[in-house]
């Protein structure tokens, strides 16, 4: 069920590519470009941290939903879907976080 809502929201986001920016918030983000999308991701990440610091669980849920949504817009910008992230999480499942981190390519 949870991946179904992610798939549906991801499909709606993807359908907004090239749409009229005056009729869709997501189309407006795509029209403004990657920097605007990433700015929103950063803003939502900061708001998530602030909500957590406030200690209000409902505010945390609300802000994480905003963060996930804007992260999904960023994924769509790169032609990626929520399923790509779910696949990566599945790949990591059962791995020690320390082992997985150590195996990452060094930049």
PDB file of N, CA and C in Angstrom:
ATOM      1  N   UNK A   1       0.818  -1.198   0.000  1.00  0.00           N
ATOM      2  CA  UNK A   1       0.000   0.000   0.000  1.00  0.00           C
ATOM      3  C   UNK A   1       0.856   1.254   0.000  1.00  0.00           C
ATOM      4  N   UNK A   2       1.879   1.334   0.848  1.00  0.00           N
ATOM      5  CA  UNK A   2       2.673   2.555   0.934  1.00  0.00           C
ATOM      6  C   UNK A   2       3.400   2.854  -0.370  1.00  0.00           C
ATOM      7  N   UNK A   3       3.928   1.804  -1.025  1.00  0.00           N
ATOM      8  CA  UNK A   3       4.610   2.067  -2.284  1.00  0.00           C
ATOM      9  C   UNK A   3       3.613   2.422  -3.385  1.00  0.00           C
ATOM     10  N   UNK A   4       2.338   2.024  -3.218  1.00  0.00           N
ATOM     11  CA  UNK A   4       1.314   2.378  -4.198  1.00  0.00           C
ATOM     12  C   UNK A   4       1.047   3.880  -4.193  1.00  0.00           C
ATOM     13  N   UNK A   5       0.945   4.491  -3.015  1.00  0.00           N
ATOM     14  CA  UNK A   5       0.722   5.938  -2.958  1.00  0.00           C
ATOM     15  C   UNK A   5       1.942   6.673  -3.495  1.00  0.00           C
ATOM     16  N   UNK A   6       3.129   6.171  -3.210  1.00  0.00           N
ATOM     17  CA  UNK A   6       4.333   6.802  -3.760  1.00  0.00           C
ATOM     18  C   UNK A   6       4.327   6.713  -5.286  1.00  0.00           C
ATOM     19  N   UNK A   7       3.923   5.565  -5.809  1.00  0.00           N
ATOM     20  CA  UNK A   7       3.866   5.401  -7.269  1.00  0.00           C
ATOM     21  C   UNK A   7       2.862   6.374  -7.875  1.00  0.00           C
ATOM     22  N   UNK A   8       1.686   6.478  -7.258  1.00  0.00           N
ATOM     23  CA  UNK A   8       0.643   7.371  -7.791  1.00  0.00           C
ATOM     24  C   UNK A   8       1.070   8.839  -7.729  1.00  0.00           C
ATOM     25  N   UNK A   9       1.609   9.250  -6.597  1.00  0.00           N
ATOM     26  CA  UNK A   9       2.059  10.647  -6.479  1.00  0.00           C
ATOM     27  C   UNK A   9       3.202  10.896  -7.459  1.00  0.00           C
ATOM     28  N   UNK A  10       4.116   9.937  -7.569  1.00  0.00           N
ATOM     29  CA  UNK A  10       5.216  10.082  -8.526  1.00  0.00           C
ATOM     30  C   UNK A  10       4.719  10.227  -9.950  1.00  0.00           C
ATOM     31  N   UNK A  11       3.680   9.479 -10.306  1.00  0.00           N
ATOM     32  CA  UNK A  11       3.117   9.571 -11.663  1.00  0.00           C
ATOM     33  C   UNK A  11       2.483  10.940 -11.895  1.00  0.00           C
ATOM     34  N   UNK A  12       1.809  11.467 -10.889  1.00  0.00           N
ATOM     35  CA  UNK A  12       1.208  12.801 -11.027  1.00  0.00           C
ATOM     36  C   UNK A  12       2.308  13.843 -11.190  1.00  0.00           C
ATOM     37  N   UNK A  13       3.347  13.749 -10.370  1.00  0.00           N
ATOM     38  CA  UNK A  13       4.463  14.692 -10.485  1.00  0.00           C
ATOM     39  C   UNK A  13       5.052  14.625 -11.889  1.00  0.00           C
ATOM     40  N   UNK A  14       5.320  13.422 -12.373  1.00  0.00           N
ATOM     41  CA  UNK A  14       5.907  13.267 -13.705  1.00  0.00           C
ATOM     42  C   UNK A  14       4.996  13.840 -14.785  1.00  0.00           C
ATOM     43  N   UNK A  15       3.697  13.714 -14.599  1.00  0.00           N
ATOM     44  CA  UNK A  15       2.754  14.231 -15.605  1.00  0.00           C
ATOM     45  C   UNK A  15       2.757  15.754 -15.675  1.00  0.00           C
ATOM     46  N   UNK A  16       3.324  16.403 -14.671  1.00  0.00           N
ATOM     47  CA  UNK A  16       3.359  17.869 -14.646  1.00  0.00           C
ATOM     48  C   UNK A  16       4.536  18.447 -15.434  1.00  0.00           C
ATOM     49  N   UNK A  17       5.454  17.588 -15.847  1.00  0.00           N
ATOM     50  CA  UNK A  17       6.574  18.074 -16.673  1.00  0.00           C
ATOM     51  C   UNK A  17       6.005  18.666 -17.950  1.00  0.00           C
ATOM     52  N   UNK A  18       6.375  19.882 -18.246  1.00  0.00           N
ATOM     53  CA  UNK A  18       5.911  20.536 -19.468  1.00  0.00           C
ATOM     54  C   UNK A  18       4.510  21.103 -19.379  1.00  0.00           C
ATOM     55  N   UNK A  19       3.843  20.929 -18.229  1.00  0.00           N
ATOM     56  CA  UNK A  19       2.499  21.497 -18.073  1.00  0.00           C
ATOM     57  C   UNK A  19       2.605  23.008 -17.900  1.00  0.00           C
ATOM     58  N   UNK A  20       1.478  23.676 -18.016  1.00  0.00           N
ATOM     59  CA  UNK A  20       1.418  25.127 -17.878  1.00  0.00           C
ATOM     60  C   UNK A  20       1.744  25.512 -16.436  1.00  0.00           C
ATOM     61  N   UNK A  21       2.824  26.261 -16.216  1.00  0.00           N
ATOM     62  CA  UNK A  21       3.220  26.632 -14.858  1.00  0.00           C
ATOM     63  C   UNK A  21       2.176  27.483 -14.119  1.00  0.00           C
ATOM     64  N   UNK A  22       1.273  28.093 -14.846  1.00  0.00           N
ATOM     65  CA  UNK A  22       0.259  28.908 -14.177  1.00  0.00           C
ATOM     66  C   UNK A  22      -0.876  28.051 -13.620  1.00  0.00           C
ATOM     67  N   UNK A  23      -0.876  26.763 -13.960  1.00  0.00           N
ATOM     68  CA  UNK A  23      -1.970  25.895 -13.503  1.00  0.00           C
ATOM     69  C   UNK A  23      -1.525  24.819 -12.528  1.00  0.00           C
ATOM     70  N   UNK A  24      -0.204  24.726 -12.251  1.00  0.00           N
ATOM     71  CA  UNK A  24       0.287  23.643 -11.413  1.00  0.00           C
ATOM     72  C   UNK A  24       1.526  24.095 -10.645  1.00  0.00           C
ATOM     73  N   UNK A  25       1.502  23.871  -9.343  1.00  0.00           N
ATOM     74  CA  UNK A  25       2.662  24.183  -8.503  1.00  0.00           C
ATOM     75  C   UNK A  25       3.881  23.392  -8.971  1.00  0.00           C
ATOM     76  N   UNK A  26       3.704  22.098  -9.234  1.00  0.00           N
ATOM     77  CA  UNK A  26       4.820  21.258  -9.659  1.00  0.00           C
ATOM     78  C   UNK A  26       5.331  21.702 -11.031  1.00  0.00           C
ATOM     79  N   UNK A  27       4.428  22.033 -11.940  1.00  0.00           N
ATOM     80  CA  UNK A  27       4.846  22.537 -13.249  1.00  0.00           C
ATOM     81  C   UNK A  27       5.657  23.815 -13.088  1.00  0.00           C
ATOM     82  N   UNK A  28       5.270  24.643 -12.124  1.00  0.00           N
ATOM     83  CA  UNK A  28       6.014  25.880 -11.863  1.00  0.00           C
ATOM     84  C   UNK A  28       7.422  25.559 -11.364  1.00  0.00           C
ATOM     85  N   UNK A  29       7.539  24.564 -10.485  1.00  0.00           N
ATOM     86  CA  UNK A  29       8.870  24.165 -10.021  1.00  0.00           C
ATOM     87  C   UNK A  29       9.723  23.655 -11.181  1.00  0.00           C
ATOM     88  N   UNK A  30       9.149  22.778 -12.005  1.00  0.00           N
ATOM     89  CA  UNK A  30       9.899  22.276 -13.163  1.00  0.00           C
ATOM     90  C   UNK A  30      10.306  23.417 -14.087  1.00  0.00           C
ATOM     91  N   UNK A  31       9.412  24.375 -14.296  1.00  0.00           N
ATOM     92  CA  UNK A  31       9.684  25.504 -15.178  1.00  0.00           C
ATOM     93  C   UNK A  31      10.828  26.369 -14.649  1.00  0.00           C
ATOM     94  N   UNK A  32      10.890  26.515 -13.332  1.00  0.00           N
ATOM     95  CA  UNK A  32      11.943  27.336 -12.725  1.00  0.00           C
ATOM     96  C   UNK A  32      13.295  26.632 -12.727  1.00  0.00           C
ATOM     97  N   UNK A  33      13.284  25.310 -12.817  1.00  0.00           N
ATOM     98  CA  UNK A  33      14.532  24.570 -12.940  1.00  0.00           C
ATOM     99  C   UNK A  33      15.016  23.919 -11.663  1.00  0.00           C
ATOM    100  N   UNK A  34      16.115  23.216 -11.809  1.00  0.00           N
ATOM    101  CA  UNK A  34      16.661  22.397 -10.738  1.00  0.00           C
ATOM    102  C   UNK A  34      16.994  23.208  -9.490  1.00  0.00           C
ATOM    103  N   UNK A  35      17.560  24.397  -9.652  1.00  0.00           N
ATOM    104  CA  UNK A  35      17.915  25.176  -8.467  1.00  0.00           C
ATOM    105  C   UNK A  35      16.701  25.471  -7.602  1.00  0.00           C
ATOM    106  N   UNK A  36      15.568  25.779  -8.207  1.00  0.00           N
ATOM    107  CA  UNK A  36      14.348  26.044  -7.433  1.00  0.00           C
ATOM    108  C   UNK A  36      13.836  24.781  -6.756  1.00  0.00           C
ATOM    109  N   UNK A  37      13.928  23.666  -7.451  1.00  0.00           N
ATOM    110  CA  UNK A  37      13.504  22.392  -6.861  1.00  0.00           C
ATOM    111  C   UNK A  37      14.382  22.074  -5.651  1.00  0.00           C
ATOM    112  N   UNK A  38      15.690  22.204  -5.805  1.00  0.00           N
ATOM    113  CA  UNK A  38      16.609  21.887  -4.716  1.00  0.00           C
ATOM    114  C   UNK A  38      16.463  22.858  -3.552  1.00  0.00           C
ATOM    115  N   UNK A  39      16.152  24.109  -3.848  1.00  0.00           N
ATOM    116  CA  UNK A  39      15.905  25.079  -2.781  1.00  0.00           C
ATOM    117  C   UNK A  39      14.724  24.618  -1.925  1.00  0.00           C
ATOM    118  N   UNK A  40      13.661  24.133  -2.575  1.00  0.00           N
ATOM    119  CA  UNK A  40      12.495  23.643  -1.834  1.00  0.00           C
ATOM    120  C   UNK A  40      12.855  22.410  -1.012  1.00  0.00           C
ATOM    121  N   UNK A  41      13.654  21.506  -1.560  1.00  0.00           N
ATOM    122  CA  UNK A  41      14.077  20.334  -0.798  1.00  0.00           C
ATOM    123  C   UNK A  41      14.829  20.790   0.454  1.00  0.00           C
ATOM    124  N   UNK A  42      15.729  21.739   0.288  1.00  0.00           N
ATOM    125  CA  UNK A  42      16.487  22.254   1.426  1.00  0.00           C
ATOM    126  C   UNK A  42      15.596  22.918   2.466  1.00  0.00           C
ATOM    127  N   UNK A  43      14.639  23.717   2.004  1.00  0.00           N
ATOM    128  CA  UNK A  43      13.711  24.377   2.927  1.00  0.00           C
ATOM    129  C   UNK A  43      12.919  23.345   3.715  1.00  0.00           C
ATOM    130  N   UNK A  44      12.430  22.331   3.026  1.00  0.00           N
ATOM    131  CA  UNK A  44      11.619  21.310   3.697  1.00  0.00           C
ATOM    132  C   UNK A  44      12.462  20.478   4.659  1.00  0.00           C
ATOM    133  N   UNK A  45      13.722  20.228   4.314  1.00  0.00           N
ATOM    134  CA  UNK A  45      14.605  19.501   5.231  1.00  0.00           C
ATOM    135  C   UNK A  45      14.814  20.314   6.510  1.00  0.00           C
ATOM    136  N   UNK A  46      15.027  21.612   6.355  1.00  0.00           N
ATOM    137  CA  UNK A  46      15.199  22.480   7.516  1.00  0.00           C
ATOM    138  C   UNK A  46      13.930  22.519   8.365  1.00  0.00           C
ATOM    139  N   UNK A  47      12.771  22.609   7.712  1.00  0.00           N
ATOM    140  CA  UNK A  47      11.508  22.629   8.449  1.00  0.00           C
ATOM    141  C   UNK A  47      11.266  21.305   9.169  1.00  0.00           C
ATOM    142  N   UNK A  48      11.725  20.202   8.586  1.00  0.00           N
ATOM    143  CA  UNK A  48      11.609  18.905   9.243  1.00  0.00           C
ATOM    144  C   UNK A  48      12.454  18.882  10.514  1.00  0.00           C
ATOM    145  N   UNK A  49      13.666  19.365  10.417  1.00  0.00           N
ATOM    146  CA  UNK A  49      14.540  19.421  11.593  1.00  0.00           C
ATOM    147  C   UNK A  49      13.926  20.303  12.676  1.00  0.00           C
ATOM    148  N   UNK A  50      13.403  21.452  12.289  1.00  0.00           N
ATOM    149  CA  UNK A  50      12.798  22.366  13.261  1.00  0.00           C
ATOM    150  C   UNK A  50      11.577  21.731  13.927  1.00  0.00           C
ATOM    151  N   UNK A  51      10.759  21.035  13.161  1.00  0.00           N
ATOM    152  CA  UNK A  51       9.583  20.364  13.725  1.00  0.00           C
ATOM    153  C   UNK A  51      10.009  19.291  14.722  1.00  0.00           C
ATOM    154  N   UNK A  52      11.055  18.559  14.383  1.00  0.00           N
ATOM    155  CA  UNK A  52      11.548  17.523  15.296  1.00  0.00           C
ATOM    156  C   UNK A  52      12.085  18.151  16.584  1.00  0.00           C
ATOM    157  N   UNK A  53      12.785  19.256  16.441  1.00  0.00           N
ATOM    158  CA  UNK A  53      13.305  19.948  17.624  1.00  0.00           C
ATOM    159  C   UNK A  53      12.164  20.452  18.500  1.00  0.00           C
ATOM    160  N   UNK A  54      11.041  20.844  17.887  1.00  0.00           N
ATOM    161  CA  UNK A  54       9.870  21.304  18.650  1.00  0.00           C
ATOM    162  C   UNK A  54       9.215  20.147  19.405  1.00  0.00           C
ATOM    163  N   UNK A  55       9.444  18.920  18.929  1.00  0.00           N
ATOM    164  CA  UNK A  55       8.929  17.750  19.613  1.00  0.00           C
ATOM    165  C   UNK A  55       7.470  17.418  19.352  1.00  0.00           C
ATOM    166  N   UNK A  56       6.891  18.012  18.315  1.00  0.00           N
ATOM    167  CA  UNK A  56       5.482  17.754  17.993  1.00  0.00           C
ATOM    168  C   UNK A  56       5.419  16.685  16.898  1.00  0.00           C
ATOM    169  N   UNK A  57       5.040  15.457  17.241  1.00  0.00           N
ATOM    170  CA  UNK A  57       5.043  14.378  16.244  1.00  0.00           C
ATOM    171  C   UNK A  57       4.205  14.678  15.002  1.00  0.00           C
ATOM    172  N   UNK A  58       3.054  15.335  15.156  1.00  0.00           N
ATOM    173  CA  UNK A  58       2.223  15.626  13.986  1.00  0.00           C
ATOM    174  C   UNK A  58       2.905  16.616  13.048  1.00  0.00           C
ATOM    175  N   UNK A  59       3.607  17.596  13.612  1.00  0.00           N
ATOM    176  CA  UNK A  59       4.359  18.540  12.780  1.00  0.00           C
ATOM    177  C   UNK A  59       5.489  17.828  12.042  1.00  0.00           C
ATOM    178  N   UNK A  60       6.101  16.849  12.707  1.00  0.00           N
ATOM    179  CA  UNK A  60       7.170  16.081  12.058  1.00  0.00           C
ATOM    180  C   UNK A  60       6.605  15.335  10.856  1.00  0.00           C
ATOM    181  N   UNK A  61       5.459  14.689  11.040  1.00  0.00           N
ATOM    182  CA  UNK A  61       4.828  13.952   9.930  1.00  0.00           C
ATOM    183  C   UNK A  61       4.514  14.906   8.786  1.00  0.00           C
ATOM    184  N   UNK A  62       3.934  16.052   9.090  1.00  0.00           N
ATOM    185  CA  UNK A  62       3.565  17.036   8.071  1.00  0.00           C
ATOM    186  C   UNK A  62       4.794  17.499   7.287  1.00  0.00           C
ATOM    187  N   UNK A  63       5.856  17.822   8.003  1.00  0.00           N
ATOM    188  CA  UNK A  63       7.064  18.326   7.334  1.00  0.00           C
ATOM    189  C   UNK A  63       7.789  17.237   6.556  1.00  0.00           C
ATOM    190  N   UNK A  64       7.800  16.011   7.079  1.00  0.00           N
ATOM    191  CA  UNK A  64       8.426  14.915   6.334  1.00  0.00           C
ATOM    192  C   UNK A  64       7.642  14.652   5.047  1.00  0.00           C
ATOM    193  N   UNK A  65       6.305  14.763   5.115  1.00  0.00           N
ATOM    194  CA  UNK A  65       5.503  14.604   3.888  1.00  0.00           C
ATOM    195  C   UNK A  65       5.904  15.658   2.858  1.00  0.00           C
ATOM    196  N   UNK A  66       6.094  16.905   3.294  1.00  0.00           N
ATOM    197  CA  UNK A  66       6.554  17.955   2.376  1.00  0.00           C
ATOM    198  C   UNK A  66       7.938  17.641   1.826  1.00  0.00           C
ATOM    199  N   UNK A  67       8.823  17.158   2.692  1.00  0.00           N
ATOM    200  CA  UNK A  67      10.185  16.822   2.263  1.00  0.00           C
ATOM    201  C   UNK A  67      10.165  15.684   1.247  1.00  0.00           C
ATOM    202  N   UNK A  68       9.388  14.640   1.525  1.00  0.00           N
ATOM    203  CA  UNK A  68       9.292  13.529   0.577  1.00  0.00           C
ATOM    204  C   UNK A  68       8.739  14.010  -0.751  1.00  0.00           C
ATOM    205  N   UNK A  69       7.684  14.826  -0.698  1.00  0.00           N
ATOM    206  CA  UNK A  69       7.060  15.312  -1.930  1.00  0.00           C
ATOM    207  C   UNK A  69       8.081  16.066  -2.783  1.00  0.00           C
ATOM    208  N   UNK A  70       8.773  17.013  -2.176  1.00  0.00           N
ATOM    209  CA  UNK A  70       9.727  17.809  -2.953  1.00  0.00           C
ATOM    210  C   UNK A  70      10.924  16.973  -3.401  1.00  0.00           C
ATOM    211  N   UNK A  71      11.293  15.971  -2.602  1.00  0.00           N
ATOM    212  CA  UNK A  71      12.345  15.051  -3.040  1.00  0.00           C
ATOM    213  C   UNK A  71      11.880  14.250  -4.253  1.00  0.00           C
ATOM    214  N   UNK A  72      10.604  13.908  -4.292  1.00  0.00           N
ATOM    215  CA  UNK A  72      10.050  13.199  -5.450  1.00  0.00           C
ATOM    216  C   UNK A  72      10.053  14.090  -6.687  1.00  0.00           C
ATOM    217  N   UNK A  73       9.851  15.387  -6.508  1.00  0.00           N
ATOM    218  CA  UNK A  73       9.958  16.315  -7.640  1.00  0.00           C
ATOM    219  C   UNK A  73      11.399  16.301  -8.150  1.00  0.00           C
ATOM    220  N   UNK A  74      12.361  16.315  -7.232  1.00  0.00           N
ATOM    221  CA  UNK A  74      13.771  16.259  -7.628  1.00  0.00           C
ATOM    222  C   UNK A  74      14.070  14.951  -8.364  1.00  0.00           C
ATOM    223  N   UNK A  75      13.559  13.839  -7.870  1.00  0.00           N
ATOM    224  CA  UNK A  75      13.741  12.562  -8.568  1.00  0.00           C
ATOM    225  C   UNK A  75      13.210  12.642  -9.992  1.00  0.00           C
ATOM    226  N   UNK A  76      11.994  13.174 -10.129  1.00  0.00           N
ATOM    227  CA  UNK A  76      11.364  13.266 -11.453  1.00  0.00           C
ATOM    228  C   UNK A  76      12.190  14.138 -12.389  1.00  0.00           C
ATOM    229  N   UNK A  77      12.804  15.173 -11.857  1.00  0.00           N
ATOM    230  CA  UNK A  77      13.657  16.032 -12.691  1.00  0.00           C
ATOM    231  C   UNK A  77      14.747  15.199 -13.375  1.00  0.00           C
ATOM    232  N   UNK A  78      15.239  14.194 -12.667  1.00  0.00           N
ATOM    233  CA  UNK A  78      16.302  13.342 -13.201  1.00  0.00           C
ATOM    234  C   UNK A  78      15.777  12.086 -13.882  1.00  0.00           C
ATOM    235  N   UNK A  79      14.452  12.028 -14.090  1.00  0.00           N
ATOM    236  CA  UNK A  79      13.870  10.858 -14.743  1.00  0.00           C
ATOM    237  C   UNK A  79      13.805   9.644 -13.841  1.00  0.00           C
ATOM    238  N   UNK A  80      13.863   9.857 -12.541  1.00  0.00           N
ATOM    239  CA  UNK A  80      13.806   8.771 -11.573  1.00  0.00           C
ATOM    240  C   UNK A  80      12.427   8.716 -10.926  1.00  0.00           C
ATOM    241  N   UNK A  81      12.137   7.594 -10.287  1.00  0.00           N
ATOM    242  CA  UNK A  81      10.838   7.401  -9.653  1.00  0.00           C
ATOM    243  C   UNK A  81      11.029   6.985  -8.198  1.00  0.00           C
ATOM    244  N   UNK A  82       9.958   7.038  -7.414  1.00  0.00           N
ATOM    245  CA  UNK A  82      10.056   6.519  -6.047  1.00  0.00           C
ATOM    246  C   UNK A  82      10.500   5.054  -6.025  1.00  0.00           C
ATOM    247  N   UNK A  83      10.124   4.294  -7.038  1.00  0.00           N
ATOM    248  CA  UNK A  83      10.526   2.883  -7.077  1.00  0.00           C
ATOM    249  C   UNK A  83      12.042   2.741  -7.110  1.00  0.00           C
ATOM    250  N   UNK A  84      12.728   3.671  -7.742  1.00  0.00           N
ATOM    251  CA  UNK A  84      14.189   3.618  -7.764  1.00  0.00           C
ATOM    252  C   UNK A  84      14.747   3.707  -6.338  1.00  0.00           C
ATOM    253  N   UNK A  85      14.144   4.556  -5.510  1.00  0.00           N
ATOM    254  CA  UNK A  85      14.579   4.696  -4.119  1.00  0.00           C
ATOM    255  C   UNK A  85      14.198   3.445  -3.324  1.00  0.00           C
ATOM    256  N   UNK A  86      12.989   2.941  -3.544  1.00  0.00           N
ATOM    257  CA  UNK A  86      12.568   1.714  -2.857  1.00  0.00           C
ATOM    258  C   UNK A  86      13.491   0.548  -3.217  1.00  0.00           C
ATOM    259  N   UNK A  87      13.898   0.474  -4.467  1.00  0.00           N
ATOM    260  CA  UNK A  87      14.829  -0.579  -4.894  1.00  0.00           C
ATOM    261  C   UNK A  87      16.165  -0.447  -4.161  1.00  0.00           C
ATOM    262  N   UNK A  88      16.640   0.773  -4.005  1.00  0.00           N
ATOM    263  CA  UNK A  88      17.901   0.989  -3.298  1.00  0.00           C
ATOM    264  C   UNK A  88      17.765   0.617  -1.824  1.00  0.00           C
ATOM    265  N   UNK A  89      16.646   0.983  -1.216  1.00  0.00           N
ATOM    266  CA  UNK A  89      16.421   0.599   0.184  1.00  0.00           C
ATOM    267  C   UNK A  89      16.351  -0.919   0.326  1.00  0.00           C
ATOM    268  N   UNK A  90      15.707  -1.580  -0.624  1.00  0.00           N
ATOM    269  CA  UNK A  90      15.636  -3.043  -0.601  1.00  0.00           C
ATOM    270  C   UNK A  90      17.026  -3.646  -0.736  1.00  0.00           C
ATOM    271  N   UNK A  91      17.863  -3.048  -1.572  1.00  0.00           N
ATOM    272  CA  UNK A  91      19.229  -3.536  -1.744  1.00  0.00           C
ATOM    273  C   UNK A  91      20.004  -3.447  -0.432  1.00  0.00           C
ATOM    274  N   UNK A  92      19.747  -2.390   0.319  1.00  0.00           N
ATOM    275  CA  UNK A  92      20.467  -2.169   1.577  1.00  0.00           C
ATOM    276  C   UNK A  92      19.905  -2.966   2.753  1.00  0.00           C
ATOM    277  N   UNK A  93      18.693  -3.459   2.605  1.00  0.00           N
ATOM    278  CA  UNK A  93      18.042  -4.144   3.710  1.00  0.00           C
ATOM    279  C   UNK A  93      18.899  -5.316   4.191  1.00  0.00           C
ATOM    280  N   UNK A  94      19.088  -5.383   5.474  1.00  0.00           N
ATOM    281  CA  UNK A  94      19.866  -6.465   6.059  1.00  0.00           C
ATOM    282  C   UNK A  94      21.358  -6.206   6.100  1.00  0.00           C
ATOM    283  N   UNK A  95      21.799  -5.125   5.466  1.00  0.00           N
ATOM    284  CA  UNK A  95      23.222  -4.777   5.521  1.00  0.00           C
ATOM    285  C   UNK A  95      23.468  -3.891   6.733  1.00  0.00           C
ATOM    286  N   UNK A  96      24.590  -4.079   7.342  1.00  0.00           N
ATOM    287  CA  UNK A  96      24.993  -3.148   8.387  1.00  0.00           C
ATOM    288  C   UNK A  96      25.200  -1.787   7.745  1.00  0.00           C
ATOM    289  N   UNK A  97      24.707  -0.744   8.375  1.00  0.00           N
ATOM    290  CA  UNK A  97      24.906   0.606   7.851  1.00  0.00           C
ATOM    291  C   UNK A  97      26.374   0.949   7.718  1.00  0.00           C
ATOM    292  N   UNK A  98      27.181   0.473   8.647  1.00  0.00           N
ATOM    293  CA  UNK A  98      28.617   0.752   8.581  1.00  0.00           C
ATOM    294  C   UNK A  98      29.258   0.026   7.405  1.00  0.00           C
ATOM    295  N   UNK A  99      28.847  -1.214   7.162  1.00  0.00           N
ATOM    296  CA  UNK A  99      29.383  -1.982   6.039  1.00  0.00           C
ATOM    297  C   UNK A  99      28.944  -1.343   4.720  1.00  0.00           C
ATOM    298  N   UNK A 100      27.664  -0.986   4.621  1.00  0.00           N
ATOM    299  CA  UNK A 100      27.148  -0.377   3.393  1.00  0.00           C
ATOM    300  C   UNK A 100      27.863   0.935   3.113  1.00  0.00           C
ATOM    301  N   UNK A 101      28.045   1.758   4.130  1.00  0.00           N
ATOM    302  CA  UNK A 101      28.710   3.046   3.953  1.00  0.00           C
ATOM    303  C   UNK A 101      30.162   2.855   3.506  1.00  0.00           C
ATOM    304  N   UNK A 102      30.860   1.891   4.101  1.00  0.00           N
ATOM    305  CA  UNK A 102      32.260   1.638   3.756  1.00  0.00           C
ATOM    306  C   UNK A 102      32.401   1.138   2.316  1.00  0.00           C
ATOM    307  N   UNK A 103      31.351   0.482   1.796  1.00  0.00           N
ATOM    308  CA  UNK A 103      31.413  -0.068   0.438  1.00  0.00           C
ATOM    309  C   UNK A 103      31.112   0.965  -0.646  1.00  0.00           C
ATOM    310  N   UNK A 104      30.652   2.136  -0.237  1.00  0.00           N
ATOM    311  CA  UNK A 104      30.325   3.167  -1.241  1.00  0.00           C
ATOM    312  C   UNK A 104      31.585   3.664  -1.931  1.00  0.00           C
ATOM    313  N   UNK A 105      31.460   3.992  -3.220  1.00  0.00           N
ATOM    314  CA  UNK A 105      32.631   4.549  -3.925  1.00  0.00           C
ATOM    315  C   UNK A 105      33.061   5.865  -3.280  1.00  0.00           C
ATOM    316  N   UNK A 106      34.337   6.045  -3.176  1.00  0.00           N
ATOM    317  CA  UNK A 106      34.874   7.277  -2.599  1.00  0.00           C
ATOM    318  C   UNK A 106      34.885   8.370  -3.656  1.00  0.00           C
ATOM    319  N   UNK A 107      34.386   9.535  -3.291  1.00  0.00           N
ATOM    320  CA  UNK A 107      34.320  10.661  -4.250  1.00  0.00           C
ATOM    321  C   UNK A 107      35.618  11.411  -4.301  1.00  0.00           C
TER     322      UNK A 107
END
